[in-house]
N, C-alpha and C. Protein backbone atom coordinates (compact mmCIF):
# COMPACT_ATOMS: atom_id res chain seq x y z
N UNK A 1 13.69 12.42 -0.09
CA UNK A 1 13.05 13.18 0.97
C UNK A 1 13.15 14.69 0.73
N UNK A 2 14.14 15.11 -0.02
CA UNK A 2 14.37 16.55 -0.19
C UNK A 2 13.53 17.17 -1.31
N UNK A 3 12.94 16.34 -2.15
CA UNK A 3 12.23 16.86 -3.32
C UNK A 3 10.72 16.66 -3.15
N UNK A 4 9.99 17.75 -3.01
CA UNK A 4 8.55 17.65 -2.75
C UNK A 4 7.80 17.04 -3.94
N UNK A 5 8.29 17.24 -5.14
CA UNK A 5 7.64 16.64 -6.31
C UNK A 5 7.76 15.11 -6.27
N UNK A 6 8.91 14.62 -5.91
CA UNK A 6 9.11 13.17 -5.78
C UNK A 6 8.28 12.63 -4.62
N UNK A 7 8.24 13.37 -3.51
CA UNK A 7 7.42 12.95 -2.37
C UNK A 7 5.97 12.78 -2.79
N UNK A 8 5.44 13.78 -3.47
CA UNK A 8 4.04 13.72 -3.91
C UNK A 8 3.80 12.55 -4.85
N UNK A 9 4.73 12.30 -5.75
CA UNK A 9 4.58 11.20 -6.71
C UNK A 9 4.59 9.85 -5.99
N UNK A 10 5.51 9.68 -5.07
CA UNK A 10 5.60 8.41 -4.34
C UNK A 10 4.36 8.20 -3.48
N UNK A 11 3.92 9.24 -2.79
CA UNK A 11 2.71 9.12 -1.96
C UNK A 11 1.50 8.78 -2.81
N UNK A 12 1.40 9.37 -3.97
CA UNK A 12 0.28 9.08 -4.87
C UNK A 12 0.32 7.64 -5.35
N UNK A 13 1.50 7.16 -5.69
CA UNK A 13 1.63 5.76 -6.13
C UNK A 13 1.25 4.79 -5.01
N UNK A 14 1.69 5.09 -3.80
CA UNK A 14 1.34 4.24 -2.66
C UNK A 14 -0.17 4.26 -2.42
N UNK A 15 -0.76 5.42 -2.54
CA UNK A 15 -2.21 5.53 -2.37
C UNK A 15 -2.94 4.70 -3.41
N UNK A 16 -2.51 4.79 -4.66
CA UNK A 16 -3.14 4.03 -5.74
C UNK A 16 -2.98 2.54 -5.51
N UNK A 17 -1.79 2.12 -5.10
CA UNK A 17 -1.54 0.70 -4.85
C UNK A 17 -2.43 0.20 -3.72
N UNK A 18 -2.49 0.95 -2.63
CA UNK A 18 -3.30 0.52 -1.49
C UNK A 18 -4.78 0.51 -1.85
N UNK A 19 -5.22 1.48 -2.61
CA UNK A 19 -6.62 1.51 -3.04
C UNK A 19 -6.94 0.33 -3.94
N UNK A 20 -6.03 -0.05 -4.79
CA UNK A 20 -6.24 -1.18 -5.70
C UNK A 20 -6.42 -2.49 -4.94
N UNK A 21 -5.72 -2.63 -3.83
CA UNK A 21 -5.85 -3.87 -3.06
C UNK A 21 -7.22 -3.99 -2.42
N UNK A 22 -7.92 -2.87 -2.24
CA UNK A 22 -9.27 -2.91 -1.68
C UNK A 22 -10.26 -3.55 -2.65
N UNK A 23 -9.88 -3.64 -3.90
CA UNK A 23 -10.76 -4.24 -4.90
C UNK A 23 -10.58 -5.76 -5.02
N UNK A 24 -9.64 -6.30 -4.27
CA UNK A 24 -9.45 -7.75 -4.27
C UNK A 24 -10.59 -8.40 -3.50
N UNK A 25 -10.98 -9.57 -3.92
CA UNK A 25 -12.07 -10.27 -3.23
C UNK A 25 -11.62 -10.70 -1.84
N UNK A 26 -12.60 -10.81 -0.95
CA UNK A 26 -12.30 -11.26 0.41
C UNK A 26 -11.74 -12.68 0.38
N UNK A 27 -12.25 -13.51 -0.53
CA UNK A 27 -11.76 -14.89 -0.64
C UNK A 27 -10.27 -14.90 -1.00
N UNK A 28 -9.89 -14.04 -1.92
CA UNK A 28 -8.49 -13.96 -2.32
C UNK A 28 -7.62 -13.46 -1.16
N UNK A 29 -8.11 -12.45 -0.46
CA UNK A 29 -7.36 -11.92 0.68
C UNK A 29 -7.16 -12.98 1.76
N UNK A 30 -8.14 -13.86 1.92
CA UNK A 30 -8.02 -14.92 2.92
C UNK A 30 -6.87 -15.88 2.61
N UNK A 31 -6.44 -15.94 1.36
CA UNK A 31 -5.33 -16.82 1.00
C UNK A 31 -3.98 -16.20 1.37
N UNK A 32 -4.00 -14.95 1.85
CA UNK A 32 -2.77 -14.28 2.28
C UNK A 32 -2.99 -13.68 3.67
N UNK A 33 -3.09 -14.53 4.67
CA UNK A 33 -3.41 -14.04 6.02
C UNK A 33 -2.28 -13.23 6.67
N UNK A 34 -1.09 -13.28 6.13
CA UNK A 34 0.01 -12.52 6.72
C UNK A 34 -0.07 -11.03 6.39
N UNK A 35 -0.90 -10.68 5.43
CA UNK A 35 -1.08 -9.27 5.07
C UNK A 35 -2.22 -8.69 5.90
N UNK A 36 -1.97 -7.57 6.52
CA UNK A 36 -3.01 -6.89 7.30
C UNK A 36 -3.77 -5.98 6.34
N UNK A 37 -4.78 -6.55 5.70
CA UNK A 37 -5.53 -5.83 4.66
C UNK A 37 -6.25 -4.62 5.24
N UNK A 38 -6.73 -4.74 6.45
CA UNK A 38 -7.42 -3.62 7.09
C UNK A 38 -6.46 -2.46 7.34
N UNK A 39 -5.26 -2.77 7.81
CA UNK A 39 -4.26 -1.73 8.04
C UNK A 39 -3.85 -1.08 6.73
N UNK A 40 -3.79 -1.87 5.67
CA UNK A 40 -3.44 -1.33 4.36
C UNK A 40 -4.51 -0.35 3.88
N UNK A 41 -5.77 -0.67 4.13
CA UNK A 41 -6.86 0.25 3.79
C UNK A 41 -6.74 1.53 4.62
N UNK A 42 -6.39 1.39 5.87
CA UNK A 42 -6.18 2.55 6.73
C UNK A 42 -5.03 3.41 6.27
N UNK A 43 -3.97 2.75 5.82
CA UNK A 43 -2.81 3.47 5.27
C UNK A 43 -3.23 4.30 4.07
N UNK A 44 -4.04 3.72 3.22
CA UNK A 44 -4.54 4.44 2.05
C UNK A 44 -5.36 5.65 2.47
N UNK A 45 -6.20 5.47 3.49
CA UNK A 45 -7.02 6.57 3.96
C UNK A 45 -6.18 7.72 4.52
N UNK A 46 -5.14 7.38 5.23
CA UNK A 46 -4.24 8.42 5.75
C UNK A 46 -3.60 9.16 4.59
N UNK A 47 -3.10 8.42 3.60
CA UNK A 47 -2.47 9.06 2.45
C UNK A 47 -3.45 9.95 1.70
N UNK A 48 -4.68 9.49 1.58
CA UNK A 48 -5.66 10.23 0.80
C UNK A 48 -6.25 11.42 1.55
N UNK A 49 -6.36 11.33 2.86
CA UNK A 49 -7.13 12.34 3.58
C UNK A 49 -6.36 13.12 4.64
N UNK A 50 -5.15 12.75 4.94
CA UNK A 50 -4.43 13.40 6.03
C UNK A 50 -3.47 14.48 5.54
N UNK A 51 -3.68 14.95 4.33
CA UNK A 51 -2.78 15.95 3.79
C UNK A 51 -2.81 17.25 4.57
N UNK A 52 -3.93 17.57 5.20
CA UNK A 52 -4.01 18.81 5.97
C UNK A 52 -3.21 18.72 7.26
N UNK A 53 -3.19 17.54 7.85
CA UNK A 53 -2.45 17.35 9.10
C UNK A 53 -0.99 17.05 8.87
N UNK A 54 -0.64 16.84 7.63
CA UNK A 54 0.75 16.51 7.32
C UNK A 54 0.99 15.02 7.44
N UNK A 55 1.76 14.52 6.55
CA UNK A 55 2.11 13.10 6.54
C UNK A 55 3.55 12.98 6.98
N UNK A 56 3.80 12.10 7.93
CA UNK A 56 5.15 11.87 8.43
C UNK A 56 5.89 10.97 7.43
N UNK A 57 6.75 11.58 6.65
CA UNK A 57 7.45 10.83 5.60
C UNK A 57 8.36 9.75 6.16
N UNK A 58 8.90 9.98 7.33
CA UNK A 58 9.74 8.95 7.96
C UNK A 58 8.91 7.71 8.29
N UNK A 59 7.69 7.92 8.78
CA UNK A 59 6.82 6.78 9.09
C UNK A 59 6.38 6.08 7.81
N UNK A 60 6.09 6.85 6.77
CA UNK A 60 5.71 6.24 5.50
C UNK A 60 6.85 5.37 4.99
N UNK A 61 8.07 5.90 5.03
CA UNK A 61 9.22 5.14 4.52
C UNK A 61 9.44 3.88 5.37
N UNK A 62 9.28 3.99 6.68
CA UNK A 62 9.44 2.81 7.54
C UNK A 62 8.40 1.75 7.18
N UNK A 63 7.16 2.17 6.91
CA UNK A 63 6.12 1.22 6.51
C UNK A 63 6.45 0.58 5.17
N UNK A 64 6.95 1.37 4.24
CA UNK A 64 7.33 0.85 2.93
C UNK A 64 8.41 -0.21 3.07
N UNK A 65 9.43 0.10 3.85
CA UNK A 65 10.54 -0.86 4.03
C UNK A 65 10.09 -2.13 4.73
N UNK A 66 9.18 -1.98 5.68
CA UNK A 66 8.76 -3.14 6.48
C UNK A 66 7.73 -4.01 5.76
N UNK A 67 6.75 -3.40 5.09
CA UNK A 67 5.60 -4.15 4.60
C UNK A 67 5.54 -4.35 3.08
N UNK A 68 6.13 -3.46 2.32
CA UNK A 68 5.99 -3.54 0.88
C UNK A 68 6.60 -4.80 0.25
N UNK A 69 7.77 -5.26 0.71
CA UNK A 69 8.32 -6.48 0.08
C UNK A 69 7.38 -7.69 0.16
N UNK A 70 6.80 -7.92 1.33
CA UNK A 70 5.88 -9.07 1.46
C UNK A 70 4.61 -8.85 0.64
N UNK A 71 4.11 -7.63 0.64
CA UNK A 71 2.92 -7.34 -0.16
C UNK A 71 3.20 -7.56 -1.64
N UNK A 72 4.36 -7.14 -2.08
CA UNK A 72 4.74 -7.34 -3.49
C UNK A 72 4.77 -8.83 -3.83
N UNK A 73 5.33 -9.63 -2.94
CA UNK A 73 5.40 -11.07 -3.15
C UNK A 73 4.00 -11.68 -3.25
N UNK A 74 3.11 -11.29 -2.35
CA UNK A 74 1.75 -11.82 -2.35
C UNK A 74 1.00 -11.40 -3.62
N UNK A 75 1.12 -10.13 -3.98
CA UNK A 75 0.41 -9.66 -5.18
C UNK A 75 0.97 -10.31 -6.44
N UNK A 76 2.26 -10.55 -6.48
CA UNK A 76 2.85 -11.24 -7.63
C UNK A 76 2.32 -12.66 -7.70
N UNK A 77 2.18 -13.31 -6.56
CA UNK A 77 1.61 -14.67 -6.53
C UNK A 77 0.18 -14.65 -7.05
N UNK A 78 -0.60 -13.66 -6.63
CA UNK A 78 -1.98 -13.55 -7.12
C UNK A 78 -2.00 -13.42 -8.64
N UNK A 79 -1.12 -12.60 -9.18
CA UNK A 79 -1.08 -12.41 -10.63
C UNK A 79 -0.62 -13.68 -11.35
N UNK A 80 0.36 -14.36 -10.78
CA UNK A 80 0.85 -15.61 -11.38
C UNK A 80 -0.25 -16.67 -11.41
N UNK A 81 -1.00 -16.76 -10.31
CA UNK A 81 -2.08 -17.73 -10.25
C UNK A 81 -3.22 -17.39 -11.18
N UNK A 82 -3.35 -16.12 -11.48
CA UNK A 82 -4.41 -15.65 -12.39
C UNK A 82 -3.98 -15.78 -13.84
N UNK A 83 -2.73 -16.16 -14.07
CA UNK A 83 -2.26 -16.35 -15.43
C UNK A 83 -1.77 -15.07 -16.12
N UNK A 84 -1.48 -14.06 -15.35
CA UNK A 84 -1.00 -12.79 -15.93
C UNK A 84 0.50 -12.71 -15.90
């Protein structure tokens, strides 16, 4: 939290990850109904466009802790099923 360079890097990685999930097919997303894909797209939009209003790093970290583990599990399952 104290290093702005690390903050920028982490926010950029989260933005890239969230943007990448938008490229998943709707059929594939339907196989993971526990993920709020629309909210994830919104999260990406906030990261990409809310820089002028400031991003609440505490809220970002809370979202990461709450949602990222399940998302990682789902995306890993997608990759395993795809043979990667």
